[in-house]
Amino acid sequence: MCIIIAKDKKNRLPKIKELEYCFDYNNDGAGFMYTDNGKVIIDKGYMTKEDFLARYKTLCKKYNYFINKCLVIHCRIGTAGTNTAQNTHPYALTKKINKLHKTYTKASVGIAHNGIISDYQPHGDKDINDTQNFIRTYMTRKFKEDKEFYKRQWERTQ
């Protein structure tokens, strides 16, 4: 199963050895999600451990090691769709496949998922995966109905 590391403002960053382990066992691509100037940055498509760790080090230096800043890291095991940079997580909350596939984009909301969403398996389309299909068909509808639904869900599970 994929690995999601969610570092909030109070927690420490993962160590390089921890990230190496994550990528070694989930090596179908990796990505990052963080905020900058009020936008969620999706920065993904790192298909080798070396590229993944190099980007991590660059981001840590650029953002002062994420002190008082959140960071999400996703290491993927492909279960649906092809194992390409475009199918790595995280994703922007959008219906647009071209934006879901972007390896670098800005969004108002970002999503990473761990596991298989059986009811949203794409049939016959290897260019998308279950998470992208779920975002396009379910999450965008929920967001249109209630722009803050995801915040309340989080509060209820705390």
Protein backbone atom coordinates (compact mmCIF):
# COMPACT_ATOMS: atom_id res chain seq x y z
CA MET A 1 0.00 0.00 0.00
CA CYS A 2 1.17 3.55 -0.71
CA ILE A 3 2.70 5.67 2.01
CA ILE A 4 1.52 9.15 2.94
CA ILE A 5 3.60 11.24 5.31
CA ALA A 6 1.73 14.26 6.65
CA LYS A 7 4.00 16.59 8.57
CA ASP A 8 2.06 19.31 10.36
CA LYS A 9 3.56 22.53 11.66
CA LYS A 10 4.58 20.99 14.99
CA ASN A 11 6.17 17.73 13.83
CA ARG A 12 9.66 17.03 12.59
CA LEU A 13 10.52 16.33 8.99
CA PRO A 14 11.19 12.74 8.00
CA LYS A 15 14.85 11.78 7.90
CA ILE A 16 16.52 10.84 4.62
CA LYS A 17 16.81 7.19 5.73
CA GLU A 18 13.05 7.10 6.42
CA LEU A 19 12.30 8.51 2.98
CA GLU A 20 14.68 6.05 1.33
CA TYR A 21 12.82 3.21 3.02
CA CYS A 22 9.44 4.63 1.94
CA PHE A 23 10.55 4.93 -1.69
CA ASP A 24 12.29 1.54 -1.75
CA TYR A 25 9.02 -0.19 -0.89
CA ASN A 26 6.73 2.19 -2.80
CA ASN A 27 8.76 2.97 -5.89
CA ASP A 28 6.14 3.75 -8.55
CA GLY A 29 6.68 7.48 -8.12
CA ALA A 30 6.51 10.15 -5.44
CA GLY A 31 5.32 13.67 -4.88
CA PHE A 32 4.96 16.56 -2.48
CA MET A 33 2.18 18.93 -1.44
CA TYR A 34 2.65 22.13 0.56
CA THR A 35 1.40 25.70 0.61
CA ASP A 36 3.06 28.80 -0.73
CA ASN A 37 1.49 32.28 -0.90
CA GLY A 38 -1.96 30.93 -0.06
CA LYS A 39 -1.97 28.21 -2.73
CA VAL A 40 -1.50 24.46 -2.48
CA ILE A 41 1.52 23.40 -4.51
CA ILE A 42 1.43 19.96 -6.11
CA ASP A 43 4.97 18.89 -7.03
CA LYS A 44 5.14 15.27 -8.16
CA GLY A 45 6.36 12.79 -10.72
CA TYR A 46 9.63 11.80 -9.09
CA MET A 47 10.18 8.33 -10.54
CA THR A 48 13.63 7.59 -9.11
CA LYS A 49 14.76 7.66 -5.52
CA GLU A 50 17.61 9.99 -6.44
CA ASP A 51 15.30 12.57 -8.06
CA PHE A 52 12.83 12.28 -5.17
CA LEU A 53 15.48 12.85 -2.49
CA ALA A 54 17.15 15.66 -4.44
CA ARG A 55 13.82 17.49 -4.72
CA TYR A 56 13.12 16.91 -1.01
CA LYS A 57 16.47 18.47 -0.08
CA THR A 58 15.85 21.43 -2.40
CA LEU A 59 12.38 22.04 -0.93
CA CYS A 60 13.73 21.79 2.62
CA LYS A 61 16.32 24.46 1.93
CA LYS A 62 13.87 26.70 0.06
CA TYR A 63 11.23 26.52 2.82
CA ASN A 64 13.55 26.60 5.85
CA TYR A 65 13.05 22.89 6.54
CA PHE A 66 9.29 23.41 6.78
CA ILE A 67 9.57 24.95 10.24
CA ASN A 68 6.02 26.02 11.13
CA LYS A 69 4.86 24.76 7.74
CA CYS A 70 2.99 21.63 6.65
CA LEU A 71 4.22 19.10 4.11
CA VAL A 72 2.61 16.01 2.59
CA ILE A 73 4.77 13.37 0.91
CA HIS A 74 3.31 10.47 -1.08
CA CYS A 75 5.20 7.38 -2.27
CA ARG A 76 3.12 5.28 -4.67
CA ILE A 77 2.58 1.63 -5.37
CA GLY A 78 0.62 1.59 -8.60
CA THR A 79 -2.63 -0.37 -8.41
CA ALA A 80 -4.61 1.28 -11.22
CA GLY A 81 -3.44 3.20 -14.25
CA THR A 82 0.07 3.15 -15.58
CA ASN A 83 3.13 3.85 -13.44
CA THR A 84 3.96 7.24 -14.90
CA ALA A 85 4.83 10.65 -13.49
CA GLN A 86 1.32 11.88 -14.31
CA ASN A 87 -0.27 9.18 -12.15
CA THR A 88 1.73 9.93 -9.01
CA HIS A 89 0.07 11.70 -6.09
CA PRO A 90 -0.86 14.29 -4.81
CA TYR A 91 -3.53 15.80 -7.06
CA ALA A 92 -5.34 19.09 -7.38
CA LEU A 93 -9.07 18.97 -6.72
CA THR A 94 -10.33 19.33 -10.30
CA LYS A 95 -12.36 17.60 -13.00
CA LYS A 96 -9.70 18.36 -15.59
CA ILE A 97 -7.55 15.36 -16.44
CA ASN A 98 -4.78 17.57 -17.82
CA LYS A 99 -4.53 19.34 -14.44
CA LEU A 100 -4.65 16.03 -12.52
CA HIS A 101 -1.76 14.86 -14.70
CA LYS A 102 0.41 17.96 -14.23
CA THR A 103 3.58 17.24 -12.31
CA TYR A 104 3.68 20.80 -11.00
CA THR A 105 0.57 22.89 -10.42
CA LYS A 106 -1.10 25.25 -7.97
CA ALA A 107 -4.57 24.61 -6.55
CA SER A 108 -6.92 25.68 -3.81
CA VAL A 109 -7.23 22.09 -2.51
CA GLY A 110 -4.91 19.11 -2.89
CA ILE A 111 -5.57 15.40 -2.34
CA ALA A 112 -3.44 12.31 -1.73
CA HIS A 113 -4.88 8.85 -1.25
CA ASN A 114 -3.69 5.57 0.18
CA GLY A 115 -5.36 2.36 -0.92
CA ILE A 116 -7.74 1.24 -3.64
CA ILE A 117 -11.10 2.89 -4.36
CA SER A 118 -12.81 -0.12 -5.92
CA ASP A 119 -15.97 1.64 -7.10
CA TYR A 120 -13.90 4.15 -9.06
CA GLN A 121 -11.60 1.85 -11.01
CA PRO A 122 -11.28 3.27 -14.54
CA HIS A 123 -12.39 0.70 -17.09
CA GLY A 124 -10.22 0.55 -20.17
CA ASP A 125 -8.41 3.86 -19.59
CA LYS A 126 -4.84 3.24 -18.46
CA ASP A 127 -4.07 6.97 -18.43
CA ILE A 128 -6.02 7.54 -15.20
CA ASN A 129 -6.21 5.73 -11.89
CA ASP A 130 -8.91 5.17 -9.28
CA THR A 131 -7.93 8.23 -7.23
CA GLN A 132 -8.10 10.54 -10.23
CA ASN A 133 -11.46 9.05 -11.22
CA PHE A 134 -12.75 9.51 -7.64
CA ILE A 135 -11.59 13.13 -7.57
CA ARG A 136 -13.18 13.89 -10.96
CA THR A 137 -16.52 12.24 -10.31
CA TYR A 138 -17.12 12.47 -6.55
CA MET A 139 -14.84 14.96 -4.82
CA THR A 140 -15.48 17.80 -7.30
CA ARG A 141 -19.23 17.32 -6.87
CA LYS A 142 -18.91 17.43 -3.06
CA PHE A 143 -16.75 20.54 -3.32
CA LYS A 144 -19.28 22.26 -5.58
CA GLU A 145 -22.03 21.54 -3.02
CA ASP A 146 -19.96 22.66 -0.03
CA LYS A 147 -16.59 24.40 -0.43
CA GLU A 148 -15.54 23.46 3.11
CA PHE A 149 -16.82 19.88 3.42
CA TYR A 150 -13.31 18.46 3.74
CA LYS A 151 -12.56 20.71 6.72
CA ARG A 152 -15.56 19.46 8.67
CA GLN A 153 -14.75 15.83 7.91
CA TRP A 154 -11.28 16.34 9.36
CA GLU A 155 -12.66 18.04 12.48
CA ARG A 156 -15.05 15.12 13.14
CA THR A 157 -12.28 12.54 13.01
CA GLN A 158 -9.91 14.35 15.36
